[in-house]
Full PDB file with SEQRES, HELIX, SHEET, SSBOND, CRYST1, ORIGX, SCALE, CONECT and MASTER records, all heavy atoms in Angstrom:
SEQRES   1 A   38  GLY THR PHE TYR ALA ASP SER VAL LYS GLY ARG PHE THR          
SEQRES   2 A   38  VAL SER SER ASP ASN ALA LYS ASN THR VAL PHE LEU GLN          
SEQRES   3 A   38  MET ASN SER LEU MET PRO GLU ASP SER ALA VAL TYR              
HELIX    1 AA1 ASN A   18  LYS A   20  5                                   3    
HELIX    2 AA2 PRO A   32  ASP A   34  5                                   3    
SHEET    1 AA1 2 PHE A  12  ASP A  17  0                                        
SHEET    2 AA1 2 THR A  22  MET A  27 -1                                        
CRYST1    1.000    1.000    1.000  90.00  90.00  90.00 P 1           1          
ORIGX1      1.000000  0.000000  0.000000        0.00000                         
ORIGX2      0.000000  1.000000  0.000000        0.00000                         
ORIGX3      0.000000  0.000000  1.000000        0.00000                         
SCALE1      1.000000  0.000000  0.000000        0.00000                         
SCALE2      0.000000  1.000000  0.000000        0.00000                         
SCALE3      0.000000  0.000000  1.000000        0.00000                         
ATOM      1  N   GLY A   1      -5.576 -10.681   7.548  1.00  0.00           N  
ATOM      2  CA  GLY A   1      -5.794 -10.879   6.195  1.00  0.00           C  
ATOM      3  C   GLY A   1      -5.479  -9.597   5.374  1.00  0.00           C  
ATOM      4  O   GLY A   1      -5.847  -8.476   5.738  1.00  0.00           O  
ATOM      5  N   THR A   2      -4.836  -9.746   4.247  1.00  0.00           N  
ATOM      6  CA  THR A   2      -4.499  -8.634   3.335  1.00  0.00           C  
ATOM      7  C   THR A   2      -4.956  -9.027   1.935  1.00  0.00           C  
ATOM      8  O   THR A   2      -4.958 -10.189   1.519  1.00  0.00           O  
ATOM      9  CB  THR A   2      -3.072  -8.386   3.307  1.00  0.00           C  
ATOM     10  OG1 THR A   2      -2.278  -9.503   2.940  1.00  0.00           O  
ATOM     11  CG2 THR A   2      -2.607  -7.810   4.707  1.00  0.00           C  
ATOM     12  N   PHE A   3      -5.314  -8.007   1.149  1.00  0.00           N  
ATOM     13  CA  PHE A   3      -5.807  -8.177  -0.235  1.00  0.00           C  
ATOM     14  C   PHE A   3      -5.155  -7.018  -1.028  1.00  0.00           C  
ATOM     15  O   PHE A   3      -5.025  -5.842  -0.564  1.00  0.00           O  
ATOM     16  CB  PHE A   3      -7.348  -8.062  -0.322  1.00  0.00           C  
ATOM     17  CG  PHE A   3      -7.949  -9.142   0.587  1.00  0.00           C  
ATOM     18  CD1 PHE A   3      -8.267  -8.826   1.896  1.00  0.00           C  
ATOM     19  CD2 PHE A   3      -8.222 -10.433   0.118  1.00  0.00           C  
ATOM     20  CE1 PHE A   3      -8.846  -9.782   2.748  1.00  0.00           C  
ATOM     21  CE2 PHE A   3      -8.758 -11.343   0.918  1.00  0.00           C  
ATOM     22  CZ  PHE A   3      -9.118 -11.045   2.218  1.00  0.00           C  
ATOM     23  N   TYR A   4      -4.847  -7.338  -2.285  1.00  0.00           N  
ATOM     24  CA  TYR A   4      -4.198  -6.417  -3.186  1.00  0.00           C  
ATOM     25  C   TYR A   4      -4.771  -6.424  -4.570  1.00  0.00           C  
ATOM     26  O   TYR A   4      -5.188  -7.490  -5.093  1.00  0.00           O  
ATOM     27  CB  TYR A   4      -2.726  -6.635  -3.323  1.00  0.00           C  
ATOM     28  CG  TYR A   4      -1.976  -6.512  -2.006  1.00  0.00           C  
ATOM     29  CD1 TYR A   4      -1.666  -7.605  -1.246  1.00  0.00           C  
ATOM     30  CD2 TYR A   4      -1.487  -5.209  -1.624  1.00  0.00           C  
ATOM     31  CE1 TYR A   4      -0.985  -7.451  -0.029  1.00  0.00           C  
ATOM     32  CE2 TYR A   4      -0.816  -5.102  -0.400  1.00  0.00           C  
ATOM     33  CZ  TYR A   4      -0.581  -6.204   0.354  1.00  0.00           C  
ATOM     34  OH  TYR A   4       0.130  -6.077   1.509  1.00  0.00           O  
ATOM     35  N   ALA A   5      -4.970  -5.239  -5.199  1.00  0.00           N  
ATOM     36  CA  ALA A   5      -5.342  -5.191  -6.581  1.00  0.00           C  
ATOM     37  C   ALA A   5      -4.140  -5.626  -7.447  1.00  0.00           C  
ATOM     38  O   ALA A   5      -2.992  -5.471  -7.050  1.00  0.00           O  
ATOM     39  CB  ALA A   5      -5.784  -3.797  -6.924  1.00  0.00           C  
ATOM     40  N   ASP A   6      -4.424  -6.126  -8.632  1.00  0.00           N  
ATOM     41  CA  ASP A   6      -3.421  -6.619  -9.513  1.00  0.00           C  
ATOM     42  C   ASP A   6      -2.432  -5.505  -9.896  1.00  0.00           C  
ATOM     43  O   ASP A   6      -1.227  -5.747 -10.091  1.00  0.00           O  
ATOM     44  CB  ASP A   6      -4.002  -7.212 -10.779  1.00  0.00           C  
ATOM     45  CG  ASP A   6      -4.716  -8.543 -10.539  1.00  0.00           C  
ATOM     46  OD1 ASP A   6      -4.473  -9.144  -9.487  1.00  0.00           O  
ATOM     47  OD2 ASP A   6      -5.519  -8.927 -11.351  1.00  0.00           O  
ATOM     48  N   SER A   7      -2.919  -4.246  -9.943  1.00  0.00           N  
ATOM     49  CA  SER A   7      -2.047  -3.179 -10.332  1.00  0.00           C  
ATOM     50  C   SER A   7      -0.939  -2.863  -9.378  1.00  0.00           C  
ATOM     51  O   SER A   7       0.030  -2.203  -9.789  1.00  0.00           O  
ATOM     52  CB  SER A   7      -3.002  -1.969 -10.588  1.00  0.00           C  
ATOM     53  OG  SER A   7      -3.627  -1.564  -9.435  1.00  0.00           O  
ATOM     54  N   VAL A   8      -1.074  -3.286  -8.183  1.00  0.00           N  
ATOM     55  CA  VAL A   8      -0.028  -2.935  -7.129  1.00  0.00           C  
ATOM     56  C   VAL A   8       0.589  -4.140  -6.512  1.00  0.00           C  
ATOM     57  O   VAL A   8       1.476  -3.972  -5.668  1.00  0.00           O  
ATOM     58  CB  VAL A   8      -0.648  -1.993  -6.079  1.00  0.00           C  
ATOM     59  CG1 VAL A   8      -1.167  -0.755  -6.676  1.00  0.00           C  
ATOM     60  CG2 VAL A   8      -1.710  -2.668  -5.256  1.00  0.00           C  
ATOM     61  N   LYS A   9       0.058  -5.320  -6.822  1.00  0.00           N  
ATOM     62  CA  LYS A   9       0.598  -6.510  -6.178  1.00  0.00           C  
ATOM     63  C   LYS A   9       2.093  -6.692  -6.484  1.00  0.00           C  
ATOM     64  O   LYS A   9       2.574  -6.560  -7.616  1.00  0.00           O  
ATOM     65  CB  LYS A   9      -0.160  -7.755  -6.771  1.00  0.00           C  
ATOM     66  CG  LYS A   9       0.336  -9.112  -6.236  1.00  0.00           C  
ATOM     67  CD  LYS A   9      -0.140  -9.290  -4.792  1.00  0.00           C  
ATOM     68  CE  LYS A   9       0.194 -10.687  -4.288  1.00  0.00           C  
ATOM     69  NZ  LYS A   9      -0.260 -10.915  -2.869  1.00  0.00           N  
ATOM     70  N   GLY A  10       2.853  -6.915  -5.397  1.00  0.00           N  
ATOM     71  CA  GLY A  10       4.287  -7.052  -5.550  1.00  0.00           C  
ATOM     72  C   GLY A  10       5.050  -5.724  -5.328  1.00  0.00           C  
ATOM     73  O   GLY A  10       6.236  -5.698  -5.214  1.00  0.00           O  
ATOM     74  N   ARG A  11       4.295  -4.587  -5.480  1.00  0.00           N  
ATOM     75  CA  ARG A  11       4.963  -3.335  -5.237  1.00  0.00           C  
ATOM     76  C   ARG A  11       4.517  -2.577  -3.955  1.00  0.00           C  
ATOM     77  O   ARG A  11       5.301  -1.922  -3.307  1.00  0.00           O  
ATOM     78  CB  ARG A  11       4.670  -2.358  -6.424  1.00  0.00           C  
ATOM     79  CG  ARG A  11       5.248  -2.900  -7.729  1.00  0.00           C  
ATOM     80  CD  ARG A  11       5.082  -1.773  -8.802  1.00  0.00           C  
ATOM     81  NE  ARG A  11       3.784  -1.336  -9.013  1.00  0.00           N  
ATOM     82  CZ  ARG A  11       3.293  -0.078  -8.954  1.00  0.00           C  
ATOM     83  NH1 ARG A  11       4.150   0.873  -8.651  1.00  0.00           N  
ATOM     84  NH2 ARG A  11       2.035   0.174  -9.226  1.00  0.00           N  
ATOM     85  N   PHE A  12       3.242  -2.760  -3.612  1.00  0.00           N  
ATOM     86  CA  PHE A  12       2.703  -2.123  -2.417  1.00  0.00           C  
ATOM     87  C   PHE A  12       2.475  -3.122  -1.290  1.00  0.00           C  
ATOM     88  O   PHE A  12       2.059  -4.296  -1.647  1.00  0.00           O  
ATOM     89  CB  PHE A  12       1.374  -1.409  -2.708  1.00  0.00           C  
ATOM     90  CG  PHE A  12       1.443  -0.235  -3.625  1.00  0.00           C  
ATOM     91  CD1 PHE A  12       2.659   0.143  -4.279  1.00  0.00           C  
ATOM     92  CD2 PHE A  12       0.326   0.602  -3.837  1.00  0.00           C  
ATOM     93  CE1 PHE A  12       2.723   1.199  -5.143  1.00  0.00           C  
ATOM     94  CE2 PHE A  12       0.412   1.677  -4.639  1.00  0.00           C  
ATOM     95  CZ  PHE A  12       1.599   2.016  -5.328  1.00  0.00           C  
ATOM     96  N   THR A  13       2.594  -2.707  -0.079  1.00  0.00           N  
ATOM     97  CA  THR A  13       2.420  -3.623   1.092  1.00  0.00           C  
ATOM     98  C   THR A  13       1.608  -2.843   2.129  1.00  0.00           C  
ATOM     99  O   THR A  13       1.990  -1.725   2.516  1.00  0.00           O  
ATOM    100  CB  THR A  13       3.751  -4.101   1.648  1.00  0.00           C  
ATOM    101  OG1 THR A  13       4.510  -4.798   0.625  1.00  0.00           O  
ATOM    102  CG2 THR A  13       3.438  -5.089   2.812  1.00  0.00           C  
ATOM    103  N   VAL A  14       0.527  -3.441   2.618  1.00  0.00           N  
ATOM    104  CA  VAL A  14      -0.280  -2.865   3.663  1.00  0.00           C  
ATOM    105  C   VAL A  14      -0.024  -3.585   4.946  1.00  0.00           C  
ATOM    106  O   VAL A  14       0.185  -4.772   4.995  1.00  0.00           O  
ATOM    107  CB  VAL A  14      -1.769  -2.872   3.249  1.00  0.00           C  
ATOM    108  CG1 VAL A  14      -2.318  -4.322   3.180  1.00  0.00           C  
ATOM    109  CG2 VAL A  14      -2.602  -2.067   4.284  1.00  0.00           C  
ATOM    110  N   SER A  15       0.097  -2.795   6.087  1.00  0.00           N  
ATOM    111  CA  SER A  15       0.417  -3.372   7.373  1.00  0.00           C  
ATOM    112  C   SER A  15      -0.325  -2.524   8.389  1.00  0.00           C  
ATOM    113  O   SER A  15      -0.901  -1.444   8.086  1.00  0.00           O  
ATOM    114  CB  SER A  15       1.875  -3.463   7.638  1.00  0.00           C  
ATOM    115  OG  SER A  15       2.480  -2.158   7.627  1.00  0.00           O  
ATOM    116  N   SER A  16      -0.263  -2.915   9.639  1.00  0.00           N  
ATOM    117  CA  SER A  16      -0.963  -2.190  10.714  1.00  0.00           C  
ATOM    118  C   SER A  16      -0.252  -2.281  12.019  1.00  0.00           C  
ATOM    119  O   SER A  16       0.569  -3.187  12.297  1.00  0.00           O  
ATOM    120  CB  SER A  16      -2.423  -2.712  10.941  1.00  0.00           C  
ATOM    121  OG  SER A  16      -2.399  -4.040  11.430  1.00  0.00           O  
ATOM    122  N   ASP A  17      -0.378  -1.250  12.846  1.00  0.00           N  
ATOM    123  CA  ASP A  17       0.061  -1.195  14.199  1.00  0.00           C  
ATOM    124  C   ASP A  17      -1.267  -1.079  15.006  1.00  0.00           C  
ATOM    125  O   ASP A  17      -1.699   0.033  15.251  1.00  0.00           O  
ATOM    126  CB  ASP A  17       1.042  -0.077  14.431  1.00  0.00           C  
ATOM    127  CG  ASP A  17       1.630  -0.067  15.865  1.00  0.00           C  
ATOM    128  OD1 ASP A  17       0.999  -0.672  16.743  1.00  0.00           O  
ATOM    129  OD2 ASP A  17       2.672   0.481  16.013  1.00  0.00           O  
ATOM    130  N   ASN A  18      -1.765  -2.156  15.514  1.00  0.00           N  
ATOM    131  CA  ASN A  18      -3.068  -2.107  16.166  1.00  0.00           C  
ATOM    132  C   ASN A  18      -3.028  -1.249  17.495  1.00  0.00           C  
ATOM    133  O   ASN A  18      -3.984  -0.587  17.813  1.00  0.00           O  
ATOM    134  CB  ASN A  18      -3.555  -3.513  16.480  1.00  0.00           C  
ATOM    135  CG  ASN A  18      -4.022  -4.261  15.305  1.00  0.00           C  
ATOM    136  OD1 ASN A  18      -3.914  -3.688  14.144  1.00  0.00           O  
ATOM    137  ND2 ASN A  18      -4.450  -5.505  15.410  1.00  0.00           N  
ATOM    138  N   ALA A  19      -1.896  -1.251  18.117  1.00  0.00           N  
ATOM    139  CA  ALA A  19      -1.813  -0.508  19.418  1.00  0.00           C  
ATOM    140  C   ALA A  19      -1.881   0.961  19.139  1.00  0.00           C  
ATOM    141  O   ALA A  19      -2.400   1.712  20.009  1.00  0.00           O  
ATOM    142  CB  ALA A  19      -0.432  -0.808  20.121  1.00  0.00           C  
ATOM    143  N   LYS A  20      -1.500   1.411  18.003  1.00  0.00           N  
ATOM    144  CA  LYS A  20      -1.544   2.800  17.626  1.00  0.00           C  
ATOM    145  C   LYS A  20      -2.777   3.129  16.695  1.00  0.00           C  
ATOM    146  O   LYS A  20      -2.911   4.248  16.267  1.00  0.00           O  
ATOM    147  CB  LYS A  20      -0.259   3.263  16.965  1.00  0.00           C  
ATOM    148  CG  LYS A  20       0.905   3.176  17.853  1.00  0.00           C  
ATOM    149  CD  LYS A  20       2.206   3.712  17.164  1.00  0.00           C  
ATOM    150  CE  LYS A  20       3.416   3.644  18.090  1.00  0.00           C  
ATOM    151  NZ  LYS A  20       4.621   4.102  17.434  1.00  0.00           N  
ATOM    152  N   ASN A  21      -3.612   2.102  16.421  1.00  0.00           N  
ATOM    153  CA  ASN A  21      -4.751   2.310  15.560  1.00  0.00           C  
ATOM    154  C   ASN A  21      -4.364   2.942  14.224  1.00  0.00           C  
ATOM    155  O   ASN A  21      -5.010   3.800  13.708  1.00  0.00           O  
ATOM    156  CB  ASN A  21      -5.819   3.121  16.203  1.00  0.00           C  
ATOM    157  CG  ASN A  21      -7.165   2.443  16.296  1.00  0.00           C  
ATOM    158  OD1 ASN A  21      -7.234   1.245  16.460  1.00  0.00           O  
ATOM    159  ND2 ASN A  21      -8.188   3.218  16.089  1.00  0.00           N  
ATOM    160  N   THR A  22      -3.202   2.403  13.643  1.00  0.00           N  
ATOM    161  CA  THR A  22      -2.655   2.966  12.473  1.00  0.00           C  
ATOM    162  C   THR A  22      -2.397   1.875  11.430  1.00  0.00           C  
ATOM    163  O   THR A  22      -1.988   0.744  11.776  1.00  0.00           O  
ATOM    164  CB  THR A  22      -1.365   3.656  12.792  1.00  0.00           C  
ATOM    165  OG1 THR A  22      -1.595   4.718  13.764  1.00  0.00           O  
ATOM    166  CG2 THR A  22      -0.770   4.276  11.564  1.00  0.00           C  
ATOM    167  N   VAL A  23      -2.730   2.207  10.157  1.00  0.00           N  
ATOM    168  CA  VAL A  23      -2.427   1.357   9.006  1.00  0.00           C  
ATOM    169  C   VAL A  23      -1.472   2.061   8.098  1.00  0.00           C  
ATOM    170  O   VAL A  23      -1.587   3.285   7.907  1.00  0.00           O  
ATOM    171  CB  VAL A  23      -3.772   1.005   8.286  1.00  0.00           C  
ATOM    172  CG1 VAL A  23      -3.514   0.235   6.959  1.00  0.00           C  
ATOM    173  CG2 VAL A  23      -4.645   0.117   9.178  1.00  0.00           C  
ATOM    174  N   PHE A  24      -0.549   1.286   7.473  1.00  0.00           N  
ATOM    175  CA  PHE A  24       0.417   1.843   6.634  1.00  0.00           C  
ATOM    176  C   PHE A  24       0.269   1.260   5.239  1.00  0.00           C  
ATOM    177  O   PHE A  24      -0.221   0.120   5.070  1.00  0.00           O  
ATOM    178  CB  PHE A  24       1.797   1.502   7.134  1.00  0.00           C  
ATOM    179  CG  PHE A  24       2.038   1.920   8.526  1.00  0.00           C  
ATOM    180  CD1 PHE A  24       1.921   1.075   9.582  1.00  0.00           C  
ATOM    181  CD2 PHE A  24       2.453   3.212   8.814  1.00  0.00           C  
ATOM    182  CE1 PHE A  24       2.150   1.448  10.904  1.00  0.00           C  
ATOM    183  CE2 PHE A  24       2.621   3.665  10.110  1.00  0.00           C  
ATOM    184  CZ  PHE A  24       2.505   2.701  11.172  1.00  0.00           C  
ATOM    185  N   LEU A  25       0.741   2.018   4.212  1.00  0.00           N  
ATOM    186  CA  LEU A  25       0.827   1.535   2.837  1.00  0.00           C  
ATOM    187  C   LEU A  25       2.232   1.807   2.386  1.00  0.00           C  
ATOM    188  O   LEU A  25       2.553   3.079   2.159  1.00  0.00           O  
ATOM    189  CB  LEU A  25      -0.210   2.158   1.948  1.00  0.00           C  
ATOM    190  CG  LEU A  25      -0.208   1.621   0.519  1.00  0.00           C  
ATOM    191  CD1 LEU A  25      -0.671   0.136   0.488  1.00  0.00           C  
ATOM    192  CD2 LEU A  25      -1.067   2.463  -0.390  1.00  0.00           C  
ATOM    193  N   GLN A  26       3.108   0.800   2.299  1.00  0.00           N  
ATOM    194  CA  GLN A  26       4.410   0.969   1.763  1.00  0.00           C  
ATOM    195  C   GLN A  26       4.363   0.791   0.285  1.00  0.00           C  
ATOM    196  O   GLN A  26       3.903  -0.261  -0.250  1.00  0.00           O  
ATOM    197  CB  GLN A  26       5.314  -0.066   2.384  1.00  0.00           C  
ATOM    198  CG  GLN A  26       6.780  -0.036   1.845  1.00  0.00           C  
ATOM    199  CD  GLN A  26       7.516   1.182   2.318  1.00  0.00           C  
ATOM    200  OE1 GLN A  26       7.459   1.586   3.428  1.00  0.00           O  
ATOM    201  NE2 GLN A  26       8.212   1.825   1.316  1.00  0.00           N  
ATOM    202  N   MET A  27       4.810   1.855  -0.442  1.00  0.00           N  
ATOM    203  CA  MET A  27       4.789   1.883  -1.885  1.00  0.00           C  
ATOM    204  C   MET A  27       6.172   1.950  -2.454  1.00  0.00           C  
ATOM    205  O   MET A  27       6.891   2.859  -2.216  1.00  0.00           O  
ATOM    206  CB  MET A  27       3.990   3.094  -2.385  1.00  0.00           C  
ATOM    207  CG  MET A  27       2.584   3.179  -1.810  1.00  0.00           C  
ATOM    208  SD  MET A  27       1.538   4.517  -2.506  1.00  0.00           S  
ATOM    209  CE  MET A  27       2.579   5.937  -2.021  1.00  0.00           C  
ATOM    210  N   ASN A  28       6.539   0.924  -3.188  1.00  0.00           N  
ATOM    211  CA  ASN A  28       7.852   0.837  -3.827  1.00  0.00           C  
ATOM    212  C   ASN A  28       7.728   0.795  -5.374  1.00  0.00           C  
ATOM    213  O   ASN A  28       6.691   0.530  -5.911  1.00  0.00           O  
ATOM    214  CB  ASN A  28       8.509  -0.491  -3.382  1.00  0.00           C  
ATOM    215  CG  ASN A  28       8.749  -0.535  -1.821  1.00  0.00           C  
ATOM    216  OD1 ASN A  28       8.996   0.473  -1.205  1.00  0.00           O  
ATOM    217  ND2 ASN A  28       8.739  -1.766  -1.300  1.00  0.00           N  
ATOM    218  N   SER A  29       8.830   1.023  -5.996  1.00  0.00           N  
ATOM    219  CA  SER A  29       8.888   1.016  -7.465  1.00  0.00           C  
ATOM    220  C   SER A  29       7.813   1.872  -8.079  1.00  0.00           C  
ATOM    221  O   SER A  29       7.097   1.420  -9.008  1.00  0.00           O  
ATOM    222  CB  SER A  29       8.834  -0.457  -7.928  1.00  0.00           C  
ATOM    223  OG  SER A  29       9.843  -1.279  -7.434  1.00  0.00           O  
ATOM    224  N   LEU A  30       7.731   3.083  -7.570  1.00  0.00           N  
ATOM    225  CA  LEU A  30       6.639   3.900  -8.004  1.00  0.00           C  
ATOM    226  C   LEU A  30       6.850   4.399  -9.428  1.00  0.00           C  
ATOM    227  O   LEU A  30       7.933   4.610  -9.961  1.00  0.00           O  
ATOM    228  CB  LEU A  30       6.544   5.087  -7.128  1.00  0.00           C  
ATOM    229  CG  LEU A  30       5.921   4.834  -5.692  1.00  0.00           C  
ATOM    230  CD1 LEU A  30       6.205   5.989  -4.774  1.00  0.00           C  
ATOM    231  CD2 LEU A  30       4.465   4.607  -5.854  1.00  0.00           C  
ATOM    232  N   MET A  31       5.713   4.538 -10.144  1.00  0.00           N  
ATOM    233  CA  MET A  31       5.775   4.955 -11.544  1.00  0.00           C  
ATOM    234  C   MET A  31       4.802   6.180 -11.679  1.00  0.00           C  
ATOM    235  O   MET A  31       3.949   6.482 -10.840  1.00  0.00           O  
ATOM    236  CB  MET A  31       5.106   3.842 -12.348  1.00  0.00           C  
ATOM    237  CG  MET A  31       5.898   2.483 -12.339  1.00  0.00           C  
ATOM    238  SD  MET A  31       5.210   1.138 -13.229  1.00  0.00           S  
ATOM    239  CE  MET A  31       3.685   0.866 -12.248  1.00  0.00           C  
ATOM    240  N   PRO A  32       4.998   6.978 -12.707  1.00  0.00           N  
ATOM    241  CA  PRO A  32       4.213   8.167 -12.961  1.00  0.00           C  
ATOM    242  C   PRO A  32       2.688   7.880 -12.897  1.00  0.00           C  
ATOM    243  O   PRO A  32       1.934   8.728 -12.432  1.00  0.00           O  
ATOM    244  CB  PRO A  32       4.648   8.666 -14.306  1.00  0.00           C  
ATOM    245  CG  PRO A  32       6.097   8.237 -14.459  1.00  0.00           C  
ATOM    246  CD  PRO A  32       6.078   6.901 -13.760  1.00  0.00           C  
ATOM    247  N   GLU A  33       2.282   6.721 -13.351  1.00  0.00           N  
ATOM    248  CA  GLU A  33       0.816   6.408 -13.415  1.00  0.00           C  
ATOM    249  C   GLU A  33       0.300   6.185 -12.036  1.00  0.00           C  
ATOM    250  O   GLU A  33      -0.962   5.990 -11.810  1.00  0.00           O  
ATOM    251  CB  GLU A  33       0.580   5.191 -14.282  1.00  0.00           C  
ATOM    252  CG  GLU A  33       1.447   4.019 -14.077  1.00  0.00           C  
ATOM    253  CD  GLU A  33       2.621   3.976 -15.029  1.00  0.00           C  
ATOM    254  OE1 GLU A  33       3.299   5.052 -15.234  1.00  0.00           O  
ATOM    255  OE2 GLU A  33       2.897   2.908 -15.645  1.00  0.00           O  
ATOM    256  N   ASP A  34       1.150   6.075 -10.978  1.00  0.00           N  
ATOM    257  CA  ASP A  34       0.719   6.012  -9.568  1.00  0.00           C  
ATOM    258  C   ASP A  34       0.359   7.339  -8.998  1.00  0.00           C  
ATOM    259  O   ASP A  34      -0.201   7.384  -7.923  1.00  0.00           O  
ATOM    260  CB  ASP A  34       1.839   5.315  -8.705  1.00  0.00           C  
ATOM    261  CG  ASP A  34       2.137   3.896  -9.089  1.00  0.00           C  
ATOM    262  OD1 ASP A  34       1.208   3.162  -9.314  1.00  0.00           O  
ATOM    263  OD2 ASP A  34       3.315   3.502  -9.108  1.00  0.00           O  
ATOM    264  N   SER A  35       0.587   8.383  -9.673  1.00  0.00           N  
ATOM    265  CA  SER A  35       0.283   9.742  -9.228  1.00  0.00           C  
ATOM    266  C   SER A  35      -1.231   9.838  -9.023  1.00  0.00           C  
ATOM    267  O   SER A  35      -2.022   9.614  -9.939  1.00  0.00           O  
ATOM    268  CB  SER A  35       0.786  10.824 -10.167  1.00  0.00           C  
ATOM    269  OG  SER A  35       2.193  10.731 -10.273  1.00  0.00           O  
ATOM    270  N   ALA A  36      -1.661  10.250  -7.830  1.00  0.00           N  
ATOM    271  CA  ALA A  36      -3.086  10.353  -7.495  1.00  0.00           C  
ATOM    272  C   ALA A  36      -3.232  10.935  -6.101  1.00  0.00           C  
ATOM    273  O   ALA A  36      -2.224  10.995  -5.333  1.00  0.00           O  
ATOM    274  CB  ALA A  36      -3.762   9.016  -7.626  1.00  0.00           C  
ATOM    275  N   VAL A  37      -4.407  11.167  -5.730  1.00  0.00           N  
ATOM    276  CA  VAL A  37      -4.775  11.421  -4.336  1.00  0.00           C  
ATOM    277  C   VAL A  37      -5.123  10.021  -3.676  1.00  0.00           C  
ATOM    278  O   VAL A  37      -5.887   9.323  -4.223  1.00  0.00           O  
ATOM    279  CB  VAL A  37      -5.902  12.398  -4.136  1.00  0.00           C  
ATOM    280  CG1 VAL A  37      -6.315  12.455  -2.664  1.00  0.00           C  
ATOM    281  CG2 VAL A  37      -5.614  13.709  -4.688  1.00  0.00           C  
ATOM    282  N   TYR A  38      -4.420   9.671  -2.579  1.00  0.00           N  
ATOM    283  CA  TYR A  38      -4.578   8.434  -1.966  1.00  0.00           C  
ATOM    284  C   TYR A  38      -5.471   8.598  -0.730  1.00  0.00           C  
ATOM    285  O   TYR A  38      -5.242   9.430   0.139  1.00  0.00           O  
ATOM    286  CB  TYR A  38      -3.219   7.851  -1.532  1.00  0.00           C  
ATOM    287  CG  TYR A  38      -2.523   7.233  -2.736  1.00  0.00           C  
ATOM    288  CD1 TYR A  38      -2.034   8.020  -3.790  1.00  0.00           C  
ATOM    289  CD2 TYR A  38      -2.351   5.833  -2.847  1.00  0.00           C  
ATOM    290  CE1 TYR A  38      -1.415   7.515  -4.812  1.00  0.00           C  
ATOM    291  CE2 TYR A  38      -1.668   5.296  -3.931  1.00  0.00           C  
ATOM    292  CZ  TYR A  38      -1.182   6.103  -5.002  1.00  0.00           C  
ATOM    293  OH  TYR A  38      -0.585   5.565  -6.060  1.00  0.00           O  
TER     294      TYR A  38                                                      
MASTER        0    0    0    2    2    0    0    6  293    1    0    3          
END                                                                             
């Protein structure tokens, strides 16, 4: 199951590699207002 805030829906994608205990956040079409500590 995945969930997205409206502000990033369609631009960001969350995925996981369970074998490596790792989660990813793919961020596309980045805008200056996306600047932040993540």
